[in-house]
PDB file of N, CA and C in Angstrom:
ATOM      1  N   MET A   1      -7.682 -91.470-137.900  1.00  0.00           N
ATOM      2  CA  MET A   1      -7.455 -92.633-138.996  1.00  0.00           C
ATOM      3  C   MET A   1      -6.204 -91.993-139.397  1.00  0.00           C
ATOM      4  N   SER A   2      -4.939 -92.839-139.792  1.00  0.00           N
ATOM      5  CA  SER A   2      -3.894 -92.317-140.604  1.00  0.00           C
ATOM      6  C   SER A   2      -4.287 -91.953-141.761  1.00  0.00           C
ATOM      7  N   PRO A   3      -3.272 -91.123-142.793  1.00  0.00           N
ATOM      8  CA  PRO A   3      -3.523 -90.596-143.915  1.00  0.00           C
ATOM      9  C   PRO A   3      -3.663 -91.823-144.731  1.00  0.00           C
ATOM     10  N   GLU A   4      -3.073 -93.126-144.712  1.00  0.00           N
ATOM     11  CA  GLU A   4      -2.884 -94.191-145.564  1.00  0.00           C
ATOM     12  C   GLU A   4      -4.669 -95.178-145.131  1.00  0.00           C
ATOM     13  N   GLU A   5      -4.957 -94.843-144.190  1.00  0.00           N
ATOM     14  CA  GLU A   5      -6.352 -95.493-143.356  1.00  0.00           C
ATOM     15  C   GLU A   5      -7.708 -94.542-144.511  1.00  0.00           C
ATOM     16  N   VAL A   6      -7.304 -93.202-144.423  1.00  0.00           N
ATOM     17  CA  VAL A   6      -8.505 -92.105-144.845  1.00  0.00           C
ATOM     18  C   VAL A   6      -8.240 -92.585-146.338  1.00  0.00           C
ATOM     19  N   ALA A   7      -7.037 -92.646-146.983  1.00  0.00           N
ATOM     20  CA  ALA A   7      -6.815 -92.566-148.453  1.00  0.00           C
ATOM     21  C   ALA A   7      -7.478 -94.205-148.879  1.00  0.00           C
ATOM     22  N   ALA A   8      -7.260 -95.274-148.182  1.00  0.00           N
ATOM     23  CA  ALA A   8      -8.078 -96.531-148.025  1.00  0.00           C
ATOM     24  C   ALA A   8      -9.751 -96.474-148.151  1.00  0.00           C
ATOM     25  N   LYS A   9     -10.105 -95.739-147.173  1.00  0.00           N
ATOM     26  CA  LYS A   9     -11.750 -95.807-146.966  1.00  0.00           C
ATOM     27  C   LYS A   9     -12.187 -94.743-147.802  1.00  0.00           C
ATOM     28  N   TYR A  10     -11.820 -93.609-148.185  1.00  0.00           N
ATOM     29  CA  TYR A  10     -12.405 -92.520-149.004  1.00  0.00           C
ATOM     30  C   TYR A  10     -11.407 -91.834-149.945  1.00  0.00           C
ATOM     31  N   GLY A  11     -10.908 -92.684-150.853  1.00  0.00           N
ATOM     32  CA  GLY A  11      -9.942 -92.659-151.919  1.00  0.00           C
ATOM     33  C   GLY A  11     -10.427 -90.838-152.976  1.00  0.00           C
ATOM     34  N   ASP A  12     -11.519 -91.166-153.155  1.00  0.00           N
ATOM     35  CA  ASP A  12     -11.744 -89.856-153.926  1.00  0.00           C
ATOM     36  C   ASP A  12     -11.890 -88.674-153.131  1.00  0.00           C
ATOM     37  N   LEU A  13     -12.735 -89.003-152.052  1.00  0.00           N
ATOM     38  CA  LEU A  13     -12.762 -87.671-151.248  1.00  0.00           C
ATOM     39  C   LEU A  13     -11.125 -87.239-150.506  1.00  0.00           C
ATOM     40  N   TYR A  14     -10.384 -88.182-150.262  1.00  0.00           N
ATOM     41  CA  TYR A  14      -8.989 -87.717-149.661  1.00  0.00           C
ATOM     42  C   TYR A  14      -8.069 -87.180-150.910  1.00  0.00           C
ATOM     43  N   SER A  15      -8.413 -87.430-152.119  1.00  0.00           N
ATOM     44  CA  SER A  15      -7.786 -86.794-153.182  1.00  0.00           C
ATOM     45  C   SER A  15      -8.261 -85.423-153.210  1.00  0.00           C
ATOM     46  N   THR A  16      -9.533 -85.072-152.902  1.00  0.00           N
ATOM     47  CA  THR A  16     -10.278 -84.166-153.034  1.00  0.00           C
ATOM     48  C   THR A  16      -9.669 -83.177-151.932  1.00  0.00           C
ATOM     49  N   TRP A  17      -9.405 -83.643-150.648  1.00  0.00           N
ATOM     50  CA  TRP A  17      -8.769 -82.926-149.688  1.00  0.00           C
ATOM     51  C   TRP A  17      -7.758 -82.479-149.891  1.00  0.00           C
ATOM     52  N   LEU A  18      -6.546 -83.152-150.679  1.00  0.00           N
ATOM     53  CA  LEU A  18      -5.134 -82.899-151.139  1.00  0.00           C
ATOM     54  C   LEU A  18      -5.024 -82.053-151.837  1.00  0.00           C
ATOM     55  N   ASN A  19      -6.238 -81.981-152.879  1.00  0.00           N
ATOM     56  CA  ASN A  19      -6.010 -81.139-154.313  1.00  0.00           C
ATOM     57  C   ASN A  19      -6.836 -79.565-154.209  1.00  0.00           C
ATOM     58  N   SER A  20      -8.094 -80.105-153.562  1.00  0.00           N
ATOM     59  CA  SER A  20      -8.758 -78.860-153.396  1.00  0.00           C
ATOM     60  C   SER A  20      -9.541 -78.838-151.826  1.00  0.00           C
ATOM     61  N   PRO A  21      -8.580 -79.029-151.008  1.00  0.00           N
ATOM     62  CA  PRO A  21      -9.331 -78.958-149.544  1.00  0.00           C
ATOM     63  C   PRO A  21     -10.731 -77.999-149.213  1.00  0.00           C
ATOM     64  N   HIS A  22     -10.908 -77.285-150.039  1.00  0.00           N
ATOM     65  CA  HIS A  22     -12.028 -75.990-149.778  1.00  0.00           C
ATOM     66  C   HIS A  22     -13.213 -76.827-150.475  1.00  0.00           C
ATOM     67  N   LYS A  23     -13.205 -77.964-150.984  1.00  0.00           N
ATOM     68  CA  LYS A  23     -14.315 -78.480-151.659  1.00  0.00           C
ATOM     69  C   LYS A  23     -14.549 -80.087-150.877  1.00  0.00           C
ATOM     70  N   ALA A  24     -13.880 -80.153-149.917  1.00  0.00           N
ATOM     71  CA  ALA A  24     -13.901 -81.497-149.119  1.00  0.00           C
ATOM     72  C   ALA A  24     -14.747 -81.643-148.056  1.00  0.00           C
ATOM     73  N   LYS A  25     -15.148 -82.393-147.497  1.00  0.00           N
ATOM     74  CA  LYS A  25     -16.196 -82.462-146.502  1.00  0.00           C
ATOM     75  C   LYS A  25     -16.243 -83.903-145.846  1.00  0.00           C
ATOM     76  N   PHE A  26     -15.490 -84.477-145.229  1.00  0.00           N
ATOM     77  CA  PHE A  26     -15.321 -86.022-144.493  1.00  0.00           C
ATOM     78  C   PHE A  26     -16.945 -85.991-143.837  1.00  0.00           C
ATOM     79  N   PRO A  27     -17.366 -87.327-143.849  1.00  0.00           N
ATOM     80  CA  PRO A  27     -18.431 -87.647-142.841  1.00  0.00           C
ATOM     81  C   PRO A  27     -18.220 -87.932-141.798  1.00  0.00           C
ATOM     82  N   GLY A  28     -19.122 -86.579-140.888  1.00  0.00           N
ATOM     83  CA  GLY A  28     -19.081 -86.755-139.598  1.00  0.00           C
ATOM     84  C   GLY A  28     -18.154 -85.305-139.150  1.00  0.00           C
ATOM     85  N   GLY A  29     -17.445 -84.662-140.099  1.00  0.00           N
ATOM     86  CA  GLY A  29     -16.725 -83.346-139.814  1.00  0.00           C
ATOM     87  C   GLY A  29     -17.162 -82.268-140.746  1.00  0.00           C
ATOM     88  N   GLU A  30     -16.392 -81.599-140.483  1.00  0.00           N
ATOM     89  CA  GLU A  30     -16.733 -80.129-140.942  1.00  0.00           C
ATOM     90  C   GLU A  30     -15.959 -79.961-142.175  1.00  0.00           C
ATOM     91  N   SER A  31     -16.587 -78.912-143.080  1.00  0.00           N
ATOM     92  CA  SER A  31     -16.156 -78.404-144.365  1.00  0.00           C
ATOM     93  C   SER A  31     -15.380 -77.260-143.776  1.00  0.00           C
ATOM     94  N   LEU A  32     -14.250 -76.779-144.500  1.00  0.00           N
ATOM     95  CA  LEU A  32     -13.425 -75.550-144.018  1.00  0.00           C
ATOM     96  C   LEU A  32     -14.297 -74.485-143.893  1.00  0.00           C
ATOM     97  N   ALA A  33     -15.419 -74.516-145.103  1.00  0.00           N
ATOM     98  CA  ALA A  33     -16.423 -73.226-144.907  1.00  0.00           C
ATOM     99  C   ALA A  33     -16.686 -72.920-143.435  1.00  0.00           C
ATOM    100  N   GLU A  34     -17.552 -74.255-142.881  1.00  0.00           N
ATOM    101  CA  GLU A  34     -17.997 -74.282-141.749  1.00  0.00           C
ATOM    102  C   GLU A  34     -17.174 -74.121-140.758  1.00  0.00           C
ATOM    103  N   VAL A  35     -15.484 -74.742-140.573  1.00  0.00           N
ATOM    104  CA  VAL A  35     -14.712 -74.218-139.701  1.00  0.00           C
ATOM    105  C   VAL A  35     -14.447 -72.927-139.425  1.00  0.00           C
ATOM    106  N   ARG A  36     -14.338 -72.187-141.102  1.00  0.00           N
ATOM    107  CA  ARG A  36     -14.325 -70.743-141.088  1.00  0.00           C
ATOM    108  C   ARG A  36     -15.477 -69.811-140.293  1.00  0.00           C
ATOM    109  N   LYS A  37     -16.239 -70.324-140.368  1.00  0.00           N
ATOM    110  CA  LYS A  37     -17.759 -69.361-140.053  1.00  0.00           C
ATOM    111  C   LYS A  37     -17.543 -69.555-138.466  1.00  0.00           C
ATOM    112  N   ARG A  38     -17.318 -70.600-138.108  1.00  0.00           N
ATOM    113  CA  ARG A  38     -17.470 -71.016-136.762  1.00  0.00           C
ATOM    114  C   ARG A  38     -16.369 -70.183-136.042  1.00  0.00           C
ATOM    115  N   SER A  39     -14.944 -70.461-136.346  1.00  0.00           N
ATOM    116  CA  SER A  39     -14.063 -69.573-135.747  1.00  0.00           C
ATOM    117  C   SER A  39     -13.685 -68.304-135.908  1.00  0.00           C
ATOM    118  N   ALA A  40     -14.117 -67.686-137.051  1.00  0.00           N
ATOM    119  CA  ALA A  40     -13.970 -66.481-137.378  1.00  0.00           C
ATOM    120  C   ALA A  40     -15.042 -65.543-137.018  1.00  0.00           C
ATOM    121  N   SER A  41     -16.031 -66.159-136.591  1.00  0.00           N
ATOM    122  CA  SER A  41     -17.170 -65.312-135.862  1.00  0.00           C
ATOM    123  C   SER A  41     -16.690 -65.231-134.201  1.00  0.00           C
ATOM    124  N   ALA A  42     -15.919 -66.292-134.064  1.00  0.00           N
ATOM    125  CA  ALA A  42     -15.683 -66.130-132.399  1.00  0.00           C
ATOM    126  C   ALA A  42     -14.372 -65.144-132.265  1.00  0.00           C
ATOM    127  N   VAL A  43     -13.627 -65.006-133.327  1.00  0.00           N
ATOM    128  CA  VAL A  43     -12.502 -64.263-133.522  1.00  0.00           C
ATOM    129  C   VAL A  43     -13.085 -62.651-133.743  1.00  0.00           C
ATOM    130  N   ASN A  44     -13.755 -62.567-134.016  1.00  0.00           N
ATOM    131  CA  ASN A  44     -14.276 -61.225-134.598  1.00  0.00           C
ATOM    132  C   ASN A  44     -15.379 -60.647-133.284  1.00  0.00           C
ATOM    133  N   GLU A  45     -15.960 -61.770-132.723  1.00  0.00           N
ATOM    134  CA  GLU A  45     -16.462 -61.041-131.539  1.00  0.00           C
ATOM    135  C   GLU A  45     -15.325 -60.910-130.274  1.00  0.00           C
ATOM    136  N   LEU A  46     -14.565 -61.156-130.258  1.00  0.00           N
ATOM    137  CA  LEU A  46     -13.450 -61.255-129.553  1.00  0.00           C
ATOM    138  C   LEU A  46     -12.579 -60.008-129.681  1.00  0.00           C
ATOM    139  N   ILE A  47     -12.129 -59.642-130.577  1.00  0.00           N
ATOM    140  CA  ILE A  47     -11.680 -58.499-131.770  1.00  0.00           C
ATOM    141  C   ILE A  47     -12.873 -57.389-130.928  1.00  0.00           C
ATOM    142  N   ALA A  48     -13.852 -57.388-131.504  1.00  0.00           N
ATOM    143  CA  ALA A  48     -15.038 -56.408-131.109  1.00  0.00           C
ATOM    144  C   ALA A  48     -15.010 -56.168-129.357  1.00  0.00           C
ATOM    145  N   GLN A  49     -15.168 -57.469-128.298  1.00  0.00           N
ATOM    146  CA  GLN A  49     -15.248 -57.204-127.275  1.00  0.00           C
ATOM    147  C   GLN A  49     -14.129 -56.531-126.780  1.00  0.00           C
ATOM    148  N   TYR A  50     -12.578 -56.829-127.243  1.00  0.00           N
ATOM    149  CA  TYR A  50     -11.963 -56.437-126.427  1.00  0.00           C
ATOM    150  C   TYR A  50     -10.767 -55.433-127.683  1.00  0.00           C
ATOM    151  N   PRO A  51     -10.962 -54.730-127.806  1.00  0.00           N
ATOM    152  CA  PRO A  51     -10.079 -53.792-129.051  1.00  0.00           C
ATOM    153  C   PRO A  51      -9.026 -53.474-128.552  1.00  0.00           C
ATOM    154  N   LYS A  52      -8.556 -53.404-127.563  1.00  0.00           N
ATOM    155  CA  LYS A  52      -7.572 -52.678-127.245  1.00  0.00           C
ATOM    156  C   LYS A  52      -6.590 -53.706-126.347  1.00  0.00           C
ATOM    157  N   GLU A  53      -7.125 -54.915-126.148  1.00  0.00           N
ATOM    158  CA  GLU A  53      -6.577 -56.042-125.318  1.00  0.00           C
ATOM    159  C   GLU A  53      -6.117 -56.862-126.151  1.00  0.00           C
ATOM    160  N   THR A  54      -4.578 -57.883-125.409  1.00  0.00           N
ATOM    161  CA  THR A  54      -4.226 -58.544-125.996  1.00  0.00           C
ATOM    162  C   THR A  54      -5.032 -59.964-125.804  1.00  0.00           C
ATOM    163  N   ILE A  55      -5.326 -60.700-126.721  1.00  0.00           N
ATOM    164  CA  ILE A  55      -6.151 -61.647-127.055  1.00  0.00           C
ATOM    165  C   ILE A  55      -5.254 -63.059-127.003  1.00  0.00           C
ATOM    166  N   VAL A  56      -5.609 -64.284-126.353  1.00  0.00           N
ATOM    167  CA  VAL A  56      -4.709 -65.464-126.803  1.00  0.00           C
ATOM    168  C   VAL A  56      -5.577 -66.360-126.928  1.00  0.00           C
ATOM    169  N   LEU A  57      -5.321 -66.993-128.360  1.00  0.00           N
ATOM    170  CA  LEU A  57      -6.169 -68.640-129.063  1.00  0.00           C
ATOM    171  C   LEU A  57      -5.385 -69.599-128.718  1.00  0.00           C
ATOM    172  N   VAL A  58      -5.820 -70.706-128.178  1.00  0.00           N
ATOM    173  CA  VAL A  58      -5.373 -71.894-128.353  1.00  0.00           C
ATOM    174  C   VAL A  58      -6.161 -72.893-129.192  1.00  0.00           C
ATOM    175  N   SER A  59      -5.615 -73.346-130.279  1.00  0.00           N
ATOM    176  CA  SER A  59      -6.548 -74.441-131.163  1.00  0.00           C
ATOM    177  C   SER A  59      -5.748 -75.321-131.771  1.00  0.00           C
ATOM    178  N   HIS A  60      -6.227 -76.460-132.990  1.00  0.00           N
ATOM    179  CA  HIS A  60      -5.758 -77.017-133.487  1.00  0.00           C
ATOM    180  C   HIS A  60      -5.048 -76.380-134.982  1.00  0.00           C
ATOM    181  N   LYS A  61      -4.623 -77.090-135.642  1.00  0.00           N
ATOM    182  CA  LYS A  61      -3.779 -77.070-136.890  1.00  0.00           C
ATOM    183  C   LYS A  61      -4.773 -76.132-138.109  1.00  0.00           C
ATOM    184  N   VAL A  62      -5.838 -77.141-138.237  1.00  0.00           N
ATOM    185  CA  VAL A  62      -6.670 -76.587-139.285  1.00  0.00           C
ATOM    186  C   VAL A  62      -7.318 -75.468-138.516  1.00  0.00           C
ATOM    187  N   VAL A  63      -7.879 -75.330-137.626  1.00  0.00           N
ATOM    188  CA  VAL A  63      -8.398 -73.860-137.289  1.00  0.00           C
ATOM    189  C   VAL A  63      -7.269 -72.816-137.487  1.00  0.00           C
ATOM    190  N   CYS A  64      -6.215 -73.188-137.206  1.00  0.00           N
ATOM    191  CA  CYS A  64      -5.159 -72.137-137.212  1.00  0.00           C
ATOM    192  C   CYS A  64      -5.270 -71.679-138.514  1.00  0.00           C
ATOM    193  N   GLN A  65      -4.825 -72.639-139.390  1.00  0.00           N
ATOM    194  CA  GLN A  65      -4.532 -72.228-140.486  1.00  0.00           C
ATOM    195  C   GLN A  65      -6.064 -71.396-141.472  1.00  0.00           C
ATOM    196  N   ILE A  66      -7.102 -72.137-141.043  1.00  0.00           N
ATOM    197  CA  ILE A  66      -8.131 -71.236-141.349  1.00  0.00           C
ATOM    198  C   ILE A  66      -8.527 -70.021-141.182  1.00  0.00           C
ATOM    199  N   LEU A  67      -8.245 -69.656-139.635  1.00  0.00           N
ATOM    200  CA  LEU A  67      -7.982 -68.221-139.146  1.00  0.00           C
ATOM    201  C   LEU A  67      -7.108 -67.337-139.440  1.00  0.00           C
ATOM    202  N   ILE A  68      -5.897 -67.656-140.234  1.00  0.00           N
ATOM    203  CA  ILE A  68      -4.898 -67.186-140.572  1.00  0.00           C
ATOM    204  C   ILE A  68      -5.482 -66.858-142.073  1.00  0.00           C
ATOM    205  N   LEU A  69      -5.908 -67.699-142.859  1.00  0.00           N
ATOM    206  CA  LEU A  69      -6.537 -67.055-144.122  1.00  0.00           C
ATOM    207  C   LEU A  69      -7.576 -66.289-144.032  1.00  0.00           C
ATOM    208  N   SER A  70      -8.451 -66.570-142.709  1.00  0.00           N
ATOM    209  CA  SER A  70      -9.516 -65.757-143.085  1.00  0.00           C
ATOM    210  C   SER A  70      -8.804 -63.849-142.582  1.00  0.00           C
ATOM    211  N   LEU A  71      -8.220 -63.984-141.576  1.00  0.00           N
ATOM    212  CA  LEU A  71      -7.468 -62.659-141.097  1.00  0.00           C
ATOM    213  C   LEU A  71      -6.375 -61.834-142.453  1.00  0.00           C
ATOM    214  N   LEU A  72      -5.973 -62.810-143.269  1.00  0.00           N
ATOM    215  CA  LEU A  72      -4.954 -62.243-144.128  1.00  0.00           C
ATOM    216  C   LEU A  72      -6.254 -62.089-145.392  1.00  0.00           C
ATOM    217  N   GLY A  73      -7.628 -62.096-145.508  1.00  0.00           N
ATOM    218  CA  GLY A  73      -8.304 -61.679-146.389  1.00  0.00           C
ATOM    219  C   GLY A  73      -8.062 -62.823-147.987  1.00  0.00           C
ATOM    220  N   LEU A  74      -7.744 -64.571-147.347  1.00  0.00           N
ATOM    221  CA  LEU A  74      -7.518 -65.006-148.787  1.00  0.00           C
ATOM    222  C   LEU A  74      -8.689 -66.364-148.204  1.00  0.00           C
ATOM    223  N   ASP A  75      -9.121 -66.704-149.455  1.00  0.00           N
ATOM    224  CA  ASP A  75     -10.051 -67.547-149.312  1.00  0.00           C
ATOM    225  C   ASP A  75      -9.510 -69.212-149.062  1.00  0.00           C
ATOM    226  N   ASN A  76     -10.699 -70.182-148.720  1.00  0.00           N
ATOM    227  CA  ASN A  76      -9.784 -71.341-148.241  1.00  0.00           C
ATOM    228  C   ASN A  76      -9.145 -72.007-149.315  1.00  0.00           C
ATOM    229  N   SER A  77      -9.407 -71.821-150.625  1.00  0.00           N
ATOM    230  CA  SER A  77      -8.764 -72.357-151.638  1.00  0.00           C
ATOM    231  C   SER A  77      -6.949 -72.436-151.330  1.00  0.00           C
ATOM    232  N   HIS A  78      -6.567 -71.245-150.203  1.00  0.00           N
ATOM    233  CA  HIS A  78      -5.293 -71.568-150.135  1.00  0.00           C
ATOM    234  C   HIS A  78      -4.437 -72.128-148.764  1.00  0.00           C
ATOM    235  N   PHE A  79      -5.728 -72.980-148.564  1.00  0.00           N
ATOM    236  CA  PHE A  79      -5.125 -73.897-147.082  1.00  0.00           C
ATOM    237  C   PHE A  79      -3.830 -74.442-147.257  1.00  0.00           C
ATOM    238  N   TRP A  80      -3.713 -75.240-148.045  1.00  0.00           N
ATOM    239  CA  TRP A  80      -2.420 -75.689-148.349  1.00  0.00           C
ATOM    240  C   TRP A  80      -1.055 -74.459-148.279  1.00  0.00           C
ATOM    241  N   GLU A  81      -1.288 -73.441-148.411  1.00  0.00           N
ATOM    242  CA  GLU A  81      -0.194 -72.300-148.600  1.00  0.00           C
ATOM    243  C   GLU A  81      -0.187 -72.047-147.048  1.00  0.00           C
ATOM    244  N   ILE A  82      -0.472 -72.349-146.204  1.00  0.00           N
ATOM    245  CA  ILE A  82      -0.372 -72.179-144.949  1.00  0.00           C
ATOM    246  C   ILE A  82       0.264 -72.733-144.156  1.00  0.00           C
ATOM    247  N   THR A  83       1.116 -73.065-143.371  1.00  0.00           N
ATOM    248  CA  THR A  83       2.209 -73.994-142.470  1.00  0.00           C
ATOM    249  C   THR A  83       1.893 -73.889-141.058  1.00  0.00           C
ATOM    250  N   GLN A  84       1.512 -74.808-140.475  1.00  0.00           N
ATOM    251  CA  GLN A  84       1.457 -74.959-139.312  1.00  0.00           C
ATOM    252  C   GLN A  84       1.923 -76.201-138.178  1.00  0.00           C
ATOM    253  N   ASP A  85       3.153 -75.675-137.411  1.00  0.00           N
ATOM    254  CA  ASP A  85       3.841 -76.491-137.030  1.00  0.00           C
ATOM    255  C   ASP A  85       3.284 -76.862-135.329  1.00  0.00           C
ATOM    256  N   VAL A  86       3.557 -77.881-134.935  1.00  0.00           N
ATOM    257  CA  VAL A  86       2.934 -78.232-133.545  1.00  0.00           C
ATOM    258  C   VAL A  86       3.479 -77.333-132.627  1.00  0.00           C
ATOM    259  N   CYS A  87       2.827 -76.571-131.840  1.00  0.00           N
ATOM    260  CA  CYS A  87       3.395 -75.747-131.111  1.00  0.00           C
ATOM    261  C   CYS A  87       3.781 -74.372-131.367  1.00  0.00           C
ATOM    262  N   ALA A  88       3.242 -73.937-132.575  1.00  0.00           N
ATOM    263  CA  ALA A  88       3.515 -72.731-133.347  1.00  0.00           C
ATOM    264  C   ALA A  88       2.942 -71.725-132.878  1.00  0.00           C
ATOM    265  N   ILE A  89       3.455 -70.525-132.827  1.00  0.00           N
ATOM    266  CA  ILE A  89       2.788 -69.236-132.145  1.00  0.00           C
ATOM    267  C   ILE A  89       2.805 -68.132-133.811  1.00  0.00           C
ATOM    268  N   ASN A  90       1.253 -67.670-133.917  1.00  0.00           N
ATOM    269  CA  ASN A  90       0.866 -66.536-134.841  1.00  0.00           C
ATOM    270  C   ASN A  90       0.592 -65.267-134.137  1.00  0.00           C
ATOM    271  N   LEU A  91       1.055 -64.191-134.452  1.00  0.00           N
ATOM    272  CA  LEU A  91       1.094 -63.379-134.134  1.00  0.00           C
ATOM    273  C   LEU A  91       0.258 -62.133-134.922  1.00  0.00           C
ATOM    274  N   PHE A  92      -1.023 -61.318-134.787  1.00  0.00           N
ATOM    275  CA  PHE A  92      -1.616 -60.534-135.312  1.00  0.00           C
ATOM    276  C   PHE A  92      -1.989 -59.453-134.888  1.00  0.00           C
ATOM    277  N   GLU A  93      -2.225 -58.130-135.479  1.00  0.00           N
ATOM    278  CA  GLU A  93      -2.315 -56.982-134.632  1.00  0.00           C
ATOM    279  C   GLU A  93      -3.479 -56.442-135.104  1.00  0.00           C
ATOM    280  N   VAL A  94      -4.318 -55.714-134.617  1.00  0.00           N
ATOM    281  CA  VAL A  94      -5.637 -55.227-135.192  1.00  0.00           C
ATOM    282  C   VAL A  94      -5.493 -53.796-135.230  1.00  0.00           C
ATOM    283  N   ARG A  95      -5.588 -52.923-136.208  1.00  0.00           N
ATOM    284  CA  ARG A  95      -5.272 -51.592-136.093  1.00  0.00           C
ATOM    285  C   ARG A  95      -6.291 -50.837-137.038  1.00  0.00           C
ATOM    286  N   GLY A  96      -7.399 -50.187-136.448  1.00  0.00           N
ATOM    287  CA  GLY A  96      -8.237 -49.755-137.237  1.00  0.00           C
ATOM    288  C   GLY A  96      -9.344 -50.743-137.663  1.00  0.00           C
ATOM    289  N   GLY A  97      -9.222 -51.986-137.297  1.00  0.00           N
ATOM    290  CA  GLY A  97     -10.295 -53.027-137.863  1.00  0.00           C
ATOM    291  C   GLY A  97      -9.512 -53.922-138.695  1.00  0.00           C
ATOM    292  N   VAL A  98      -7.994 -53.502-138.904  1.00  0.00           N
ATOM    293  CA  VAL A  98      -7.601 -54.211-139.914  1.00  0.00           C
ATOM    294  C   VAL A  98      -6.585 -55.203-139.424  1.00  0.00           C
ATOM    295  N   PRO A  99      -6.484 -56.592-139.696  1.00  0.00           N
ATOM    296  CA  PRO A  99      -5.749 -57.422-139.159  1.00  0.00           C
ATOM    297  C   PRO A  99      -4.475 -57.391-139.810  1.00  0.00           C
ATOM    298  N   SER A 100      -3.117 -57.212-139.418  1.00  0.00           N
ATOM    299  CA  SER A 100      -1.795 -57.143-139.703  1.00  0.00           C
ATOM    300  C   SER A 100      -1.135 -58.395-139.150  1.00  0.00           C
ATOM    301  N   ALA A 101      -0.620 -59.178-140.081  1.00  0.00           N
ATOM    302  CA  ALA A 101       0.374 -60.468-139.261  1.00  0.00           C
ATOM    303  C   ALA A 101       1.769 -60.166-139.031  1.00  0.00           C
ATOM    304  N   LEU A 102       2.370 -60.136-137.811  1.00  0.00           N
ATOM    305  CA  LEU A 102       3.625 -59.850-137.418  1.00  0.00           C
ATOM    306  C   LEU A 102       4.527 -60.917-137.456  1.00  0.00           C
ATOM    307  N   PHE A 103       3.873 -62.332-137.163  1.00  0.00           N
ATOM    308  CA  PHE A 103       4.744 -63.390-137.524  1.00  0.00           C
ATOM    309  C   PHE A 103       3.804 -64.660-137.388  1.00  0.00           C
ATOM    310  N   LEU A 104       4.102 -65.607-138.309  1.00  0.00           N
ATOM    311  CA  LEU A 104       3.336 -66.679-138.385  1.00  0.00           C
ATOM    312  C   LEU A 104       4.078 -68.006-138.180  1.00  0.00           C
ATOM    313  N   ASN A 105       3.875 -69.278-137.899  1.00  0.00           N
ATOM    314  CA  ASN A 105       4.599 -70.636-137.730  1.00  0.00           C
ATOM    315  C   ASN A 105       5.510 -70.115-136.885  1.00  0.00           C
ATOM    316  N   ASP A 106       5.948 -69.574-136.081  1.00  0.00           N
ATOM    317  CA  ASP A 106       7.064 -69.059-134.974  1.00  0.00           C
ATOM    318  C   ASP A 106       7.013 -70.248-134.183  1.00  0.00           C
ATOM    319  N   THR A 107       8.203 -71.052-134.358  1.00  0.00           N
ATOM    320  CA  THR A 107       8.605 -72.028-133.378  1.00  0.00           C
ATOM    321  C   THR A 107      10.126 -72.173-132.479  1.00  0.00           C
ATOM    322  N   CYS A 108      10.413 -70.866-132.637  1.00  0.00           N
ATOM    323  CA  CYS A 108      11.932 -70.203-132.039  1.00  0.00           C
ATOM    324  C   CYS A 108      11.761 -70.833-130.617  1.00  0.00           C
ATOM    325  N   HIS A 109      10.337 -70.843-129.786  1.00  0.00           N
ATOM    326  CA  HIS A 109      10.529 -71.117-128.261  1.00  0.00           C
ATOM    327  C   HIS A 109      10.760 -72.835-128.338  1.00  0.00           C
ATOM    328  N   LEU A 110      10.723 -73.477-129.017  1.00  0.00           N
ATOM    329  CA  LEU A 110      10.961 -74.809-128.968  1.00  0.00           C
ATOM    330  C   LEU A 110      12.344 -75.480-129.469  1.00  0.00           C
ATOM    331  N   LYS A 111      13.529 -74.366-129.765  1.00  0.00           N
ATOM    332  CA  LYS A 111      14.697 -75.026-129.697  1.00  0.00           C
ATOM    333  C   LYS A 111      15.176 -75.315-128.852  1.00  0.00           C
ATOM    334  N   VAL A 112      15.930 -76.500-128.513  1.00  0.00           N
ATOM    335  CA  VAL A 112      16.796 -77.109-127.417  1.00  0.00           C
ATOM    336  C   VAL A 112      17.793 -76.150-127.182  1.00  0.00           C
ATOM    337  N   VAL A 113      18.158 -75.537-125.806  1.00  0.00           N
ATOM    338  CA  VAL A 113      19.472 -74.769-125.793  1.00  0.00           C
ATOM    339  C   VAL A 113      20.809 -75.475-124.897  1.00  0.00           C
ATOM    340  N   ASN A 114      21.480 -75.993-125.610  1.00  0.00           N
ATOM    341  CA  ASN A 114      22.628 -76.759-125.016  1.00  0.00           C
ATOM    342  C   ASN A 114      23.556 -75.989-123.880  1.00  0.00           C
TER     343      ASN A 114
END
């Protein structure tokens, strides 16, 4: 649905999503807490399984935003403080079990060269 359709069908819930996304859960969907539990668990398993390897993950915007919050140790209330453009690249390095953001929302690879 478009944002306008969501606002018309789920007015109060959509307002909650815009103002306190960590408190919203749309019918048939996941809450941000559920997305975080599922995705952060998978990332933590990969980090443990491949501690000195490069891991590449591809996902949707919301999952990327939640994983960034998780890796930075921020709670889901900071959701709108993370921007993810289409095809953006984020790079984290894990040293001694501690993730460090090397770059976020990088889209330089999308620039057209004339």
